[in-house]
């Protein structure tokens, strides 16, 4: 999982594009990962594109899933946010920082 997704500078009124954050379930002694939520916190300019994301409620052992984030500064300027994966893993929640200017 990347620690940060950076959209860089995007002028207000322009679409900032899409970046993806991924979660991997190790293949060792762990069982499947069950997500209770996948959310964005902190800024309305970041949006989860559910059509391009493939994280469902359960991720099998050794599996990988991705969530595609869009940055849309037309909704109120730049900012920072977090993509938060809350699940049954011992290190839950997993957080990816989101930045856009």
Foldseek 3Di string as FASTA:
>chain_A
DDQEDELEEDDAPDKSDKDKDKDFAAQPPDFKKFWPDWDKDDDPQKDWDVVPWDDDRIAGHGGMTMIMIIGHCNVPHWDKIWTWTATDDPPPTDIHIYGYD
